[in-house]
Amino acid sequence: MPSSRRAILRHILSGICTKMNRTKSVPTDVMETPLNRCLNTFDIALLGIGHMVGAGIYVLTGTVAKEMAGPGIILSFILAGFISMLAALCYAEFGTRVPKAGSAYVYTYISMGEFWAFVIGWNILLEHMLGAASVARAWSGYVDSMLGGWIGNTTLELTGGIHEPGLAQYPDVLAFLVCIVYAAALAGGVKATAGFNSLLTLVNIAVMILVISVGFWYADGKNWSEAEGGFLPYGVGESSPVRPPVSTPLWASSR
């Protein structure tokens, strides 16, 4: 009897493992799709650039330079860019082999199995939600800063503030409205969304070129060597630069 129970249990577990790891075969008609092909190379390129160069690079660069890496932030961004390039090469290979909609979910389903694709799919959803929230908060923070903190102070007076650890001081209504505006833009269709994204991305690139140009004009090499602590004021190693600041620039380069 015990042996038969073990056999039944083994059979059940084997079936579960088989179902969890069953993969999806690559379709033979990979170039056929029921979706309309309405994006050109220019739209796709700007979609990729817009995803890489977002609000994070404006919000986090100063914090990393001041509190984590100092002038060595240049090395942090170089390492973050190299890591991002490796991920981009993986996506490029998968996209070439499996030119189907679904991104990492489909790639994981084909290469690893159904359960892992299920996990990746929900992680992608969580990633997009966190990314949208962080970008909306960045928008809100910049607008509030330009208005001299009027939005934050007014909201605090009306709501009394939030005093829970891990939460903001007040409900960010402006960030919520930014999310609503983006949702309305997405509801307009892929082509309209791509046009809206292209406009914002071109403005973003122009601003970055302006900042870089002005930075080169006013740059002073003495700030790299004569600053307190030198080029790497926090050192190089496990508990300080350049390694720890890499994760923050990596997030900045993707948001």
Protein backbone atom coordinates (compact mmCIF):
# COMPACT_ATOMS: atom_id res chain seq x y z
CA MET A 1 0.00 0.00 0.00
CA PRO A 2 2.70 2.59 0.88
CA SER A 3 4.51 1.80 -2.36
CA SER A 4 1.32 2.34 -4.37
CA ARG A 5 0.76 5.67 -2.63
CA ARG A 6 4.29 6.72 -3.44
CA ALA A 7 3.75 5.70 -7.05
CA ILE A 8 0.53 7.74 -7.23
CA LEU A 9 2.22 10.74 -5.61
CA ARG A 10 5.18 10.40 -7.96
CA HIS A 11 2.81 10.23 -10.93
CA ILE A 12 0.93 13.36 -9.77
CA LEU A 13 4.11 15.34 -9.15
CA SER A 14 5.53 14.22 -12.48
CA GLY A 15 2.39 15.40 -14.24
CA ILE A 16 2.53 18.77 -12.47
CA CYS A 17 6.18 19.26 -13.38
CA THR A 18 5.50 18.28 -16.97
CA LYS A 19 2.67 20.81 -17.25
CA MET A 20 4.72 23.53 -15.55
CA ASN A 21 7.65 23.09 -17.92
CA ARG A 22 5.85 22.37 -21.18
CA THR A 23 7.02 24.75 -23.85
CA LYS A 24 5.30 26.35 -26.78
CA SER A 25 6.62 25.49 -30.22
CA VAL A 26 7.77 28.23 -32.55
CA PRO A 27 5.02 28.78 -35.16
CA THR A 28 6.00 28.20 -38.75
CA ASP A 29 4.14 31.29 -39.95
CA VAL A 30 6.12 33.70 -37.77
CA MET A 31 5.64 36.58 -40.19
CA GLU A 32 1.85 36.30 -40.19
CA THR A 33 -0.14 38.17 -37.56
CA PRO A 34 -3.75 39.31 -37.11
CA LEU A 35 -2.44 42.66 -35.83
CA ASN A 36 -2.14 45.65 -38.13
CA ARG A 37 1.44 46.68 -38.95
CA CYS A 38 1.08 50.43 -38.44
CA LEU A 39 4.51 51.37 -37.03
CA ASN A 40 7.49 52.25 -39.20
CA THR A 41 11.19 52.08 -38.35
CA PHE A 42 11.23 55.68 -37.10
CA ASP A 43 8.34 55.03 -34.70
CA ILE A 44 9.90 51.84 -33.35
CA ALA A 45 13.31 53.48 -32.89
CA LEU A 46 11.80 56.36 -30.92
CA LEU A 47 9.71 53.92 -28.86
CA GLY A 48 12.93 52.17 -27.83
CA ILE A 49 14.75 55.43 -27.10
CA GLY A 50 11.78 56.75 -25.15
CA HIS A 51 11.77 53.61 -23.02
CA MET A 52 15.50 53.91 -22.28
CA VAL A 53 15.78 57.66 -21.70
CA GLY A 54 13.00 58.59 -19.33
CA ALA A 55 12.42 60.68 -16.25
CA GLY A 56 14.76 58.56 -14.13
CA ILE A 57 17.88 60.02 -15.70
CA TYR A 58 16.80 63.50 -14.55
CA VAL A 59 15.66 62.50 -11.08
CA LEU A 60 18.38 60.07 -9.99
CA THR A 61 21.58 61.39 -11.58
CA GLY A 62 22.08 64.16 -9.03
CA THR A 63 21.34 61.85 -6.10
CA VAL A 64 23.84 59.24 -7.29
CA ALA A 65 26.53 61.85 -7.96
CA LYS A 66 26.09 63.49 -4.55
CA GLU A 67 25.49 60.54 -2.24
CA MET A 68 26.89 57.42 -3.92
CA ALA A 69 29.61 57.86 -6.54
CA GLY A 70 30.75 61.47 -6.84
CA PRO A 71 32.49 62.21 -10.17
CA GLY A 72 32.80 58.43 -10.56
CA ILE A 73 29.15 58.41 -11.64
CA ILE A 74 30.56 58.39 -15.17
CA LEU A 75 31.89 54.88 -14.56
CA SER A 76 28.58 53.87 -12.98
CA PHE A 77 26.67 54.89 -16.09
CA ILE A 78 29.19 53.19 -18.36
CA LEU A 79 28.78 49.92 -16.44
CA ALA A 80 24.99 50.33 -16.40
CA GLY A 81 25.05 50.96 -20.15
CA PHE A 82 27.15 47.84 -20.74
CA ILE A 83 24.72 45.71 -18.70
CA SER A 84 21.78 47.22 -20.59
CA MET A 85 23.52 46.43 -23.88
CA LEU A 86 23.82 42.75 -22.92
CA ALA A 87 20.09 42.63 -22.17
CA ALA A 88 19.36 44.43 -25.45
CA LEU A 89 21.41 41.86 -27.39
CA CYS A 90 19.44 39.03 -25.78
CA TYR A 91 16.15 40.70 -26.72
CA ALA A 92 17.45 41.33 -30.25
CA GLU A 93 18.30 37.65 -30.72
CA PHE A 94 14.96 36.48 -29.32
CA GLY A 95 13.10 39.05 -31.40
CA THR A 96 14.85 37.83 -34.54
CA ARG A 97 14.21 34.16 -33.82
CA VAL A 98 10.62 34.66 -32.61
CA PRO A 99 9.14 37.80 -34.23
CA LYS A 100 5.87 37.50 -32.35
CA ALA A 101 4.02 39.88 -30.02
CA GLY A 102 4.43 39.08 -26.34
CA SER A 103 8.02 40.09 -25.57
CA ALA A 104 9.67 38.21 -22.68
CA TYR A 105 6.48 36.23 -21.94
CA VAL A 106 6.55 34.51 -25.35
CA TYR A 107 10.33 34.09 -25.31
CA THR A 108 10.18 32.41 -21.90
CA TYR A 109 7.20 30.24 -22.91
CA ILE A 110 9.12 28.90 -25.90
CA SER A 111 12.50 28.44 -24.21
CA MET A 112 11.73 27.54 -20.57
CA GLY A 113 8.11 26.57 -20.06
CA GLU A 114 4.57 27.65 -19.19
CA PHE A 115 5.00 28.26 -15.46
CA TRP A 116 8.06 30.46 -15.90
CA ALA A 117 6.28 32.38 -18.65
CA PHE A 118 3.37 32.90 -16.23
CA VAL A 119 5.76 34.35 -13.64
CA ILE A 120 7.53 36.54 -16.20
CA GLY A 121 4.23 37.82 -17.59
CA TRP A 122 3.00 39.03 -14.21
CA ASN A 123 6.44 40.49 -13.45
CA ILE A 124 6.24 42.49 -16.68
CA LEU A 125 2.85 43.84 -15.60
CA LEU A 126 4.28 44.79 -12.19
CA GLU A 127 7.32 46.38 -13.83
CA HIS A 128 5.15 48.54 -16.08
CA MET A 129 2.96 49.61 -13.15
CA LEU A 130 5.99 50.60 -11.06
CA GLY A 131 7.58 52.35 -14.03
CA ALA A 132 4.44 54.35 -14.77
CA ALA A 133 4.10 55.31 -11.11
CA SER A 134 7.73 56.44 -10.84
CA VAL A 135 7.54 58.51 -14.04
CA ALA A 136 4.27 60.13 -12.90
CA ARG A 137 5.86 60.98 -9.54
CA ALA A 138 8.83 62.50 -11.35
CA TRP A 139 6.52 64.67 -13.47
CA SER A 140 4.64 65.76 -10.36
CA GLY A 141 7.83 66.55 -8.46
CA TYR A 142 9.21 68.74 -11.23
CA VAL A 143 5.95 70.65 -11.72
CA ASP A 144 5.60 71.15 -7.96
CA SER A 145 9.20 72.38 -7.78
CA MET A 146 8.59 74.90 -10.57
CA LEU A 147 5.55 76.18 -8.66
CA GLY A 148 7.56 76.61 -5.48
CA GLY A 149 6.01 73.62 -3.72
CA TRP A 150 2.49 75.07 -3.96
CA ILE A 151 0.87 71.75 -4.94
CA GLY A 152 2.48 69.79 -2.11
CA ASN A 153 1.79 72.43 0.53
CA THR A 154 -1.83 72.85 -0.53
CA THR A 155 -2.41 69.10 -0.54
CA LEU A 156 -0.88 68.81 2.93
CA GLU A 157 -3.19 71.53 4.23
CA LEU A 158 -6.26 69.82 2.77
CA THR A 159 -5.43 66.22 3.72
CA GLY A 160 -3.32 66.64 6.82
CA GLY A 161 -0.59 64.45 5.38
CA ILE A 162 0.21 60.75 5.59
CA HIS A 163 2.39 59.54 8.46
CA GLU A 164 2.98 55.93 7.49
CA PRO A 165 6.47 54.56 6.77
CA GLY A 166 7.07 53.76 3.13
CA LEU A 167 4.39 56.16 1.86
CA ALA A 168 4.62 59.70 0.52
CA GLN A 169 3.76 62.65 2.74
CA TYR A 170 0.56 63.38 0.84
CA PRO A 171 -1.65 61.88 -1.92
CA ASP A 172 -0.05 62.86 -5.22
CA VAL A 173 -3.12 63.97 -7.19
CA LEU A 174 -1.05 65.43 -10.01
CA ALA A 175 0.76 62.11 -10.54
CA PHE A 176 -2.63 60.39 -10.70
CA LEU A 177 -3.81 62.89 -13.33
CA VAL A 178 -0.63 62.28 -15.35
CA CYS A 179 -1.43 58.55 -15.38
CA ILE A 180 -4.97 59.34 -16.56
CA VAL A 181 -3.62 61.50 -19.40
CA TYR A 182 -1.24 58.74 -20.49
CA ALA A 183 -4.05 56.18 -20.32
CA ALA A 184 -6.22 58.41 -22.52
CA ALA A 185 -3.35 58.74 -25.00
CA LEU A 186 -2.95 54.96 -25.11
CA ALA A 187 -6.68 54.54 -25.68
CA GLY A 188 -6.30 56.59 -28.87
CA GLY A 189 -4.64 53.68 -30.64
CA VAL A 190 -1.11 52.52 -31.39
CA LYS A 191 -0.43 55.03 -34.15
CA ALA A 192 -1.61 58.01 -32.09
CA THR A 193 0.37 56.78 -29.08
CA ALA A 194 3.50 56.34 -31.21
CA GLY A 195 3.14 59.89 -32.54
CA PHE A 196 2.70 61.28 -29.02
CA ASN A 197 5.71 59.27 -27.82
CA SER A 198 7.82 60.42 -30.79
CA LEU A 199 7.08 64.06 -29.99
CA LEU A 200 8.00 63.68 -26.30
CA THR A 201 11.11 61.63 -27.13
CA LEU A 202 12.39 64.24 -29.60
CA VAL A 203 11.87 66.95 -26.97
CA ASN A 204 13.66 64.74 -24.44
CA ILE A 205 16.62 64.20 -26.77
CA ALA A 206 16.82 67.94 -27.52
CA VAL A 207 16.87 68.75 -23.79
CA MET A 208 19.62 66.20 -23.15
CA ILE A 209 21.73 67.53 -26.03
CA LEU A 210 21.28 71.06 -24.65
CA VAL A 211 22.28 69.98 -21.12
CA ILE A 212 25.32 68.06 -22.40
CA SER A 213 26.43 70.97 -24.60
CA VAL A 214 26.10 73.50 -21.78
CA GLY A 215 27.85 71.06 -19.44
CA PHE A 216 30.83 70.76 -21.79
CA TRP A 217 31.00 74.54 -22.08
CA TYR A 218 31.08 75.13 -18.33
CA ALA A 219 32.92 71.94 -17.38
CA ASP A 220 35.95 72.25 -15.14
CA GLY A 221 38.34 69.30 -14.99
CA LYS A 222 39.50 70.38 -11.53
CA ASN A 223 36.17 69.25 -10.10
CA TRP A 224 37.18 65.65 -10.89
CA SER A 225 40.53 65.70 -9.15
CA GLU A 226 40.50 68.52 -6.60
CA ALA A 227 37.11 67.76 -5.07
CA GLU A 228 37.04 66.27 -1.58
CA GLY A 229 37.90 62.59 -1.98
CA GLY A 230 39.00 62.92 -5.61
CA PHE A 231 37.38 61.18 -8.57
CA LEU A 232 36.07 58.31 -6.42
CA PRO A 233 35.34 59.86 -3.01
CA TYR A 234 33.56 56.74 -1.77
CA GLY A 235 36.26 54.31 -2.92
CA VAL A 236 35.92 51.16 -5.00
CA GLY A 237 34.70 47.92 -3.51
CA GLU A 238 31.87 45.89 -2.09
CA SER A 239 30.56 48.52 0.33
CA SER A 240 30.99 51.63 -1.82
CA PRO A 241 31.49 52.80 -5.43
CA VAL A 242 31.63 51.97 -8.25
CA ARG A 243 29.59 48.79 -7.92
CA PRO A 244 26.65 49.86 -5.69
CA PRO A 245 25.67 52.95 -7.75
CA VAL A 246 25.31 50.80 -10.88
CA SER A 247 21.81 49.59 -9.99
CA THR A 248 20.44 53.12 -9.64
CA PRO A 249 21.80 54.36 -13.01
CA LEU A 250 20.50 51.11 -14.51
CA TRP A 251 17.01 52.02 -13.29
CA ALA A 252 17.53 55.61 -14.48
CA SER A 253 18.48 54.44 -17.97
CA SER A 254 15.31 52.37 -18.26
CA ARG A 255 12.84 54.91 -16.89
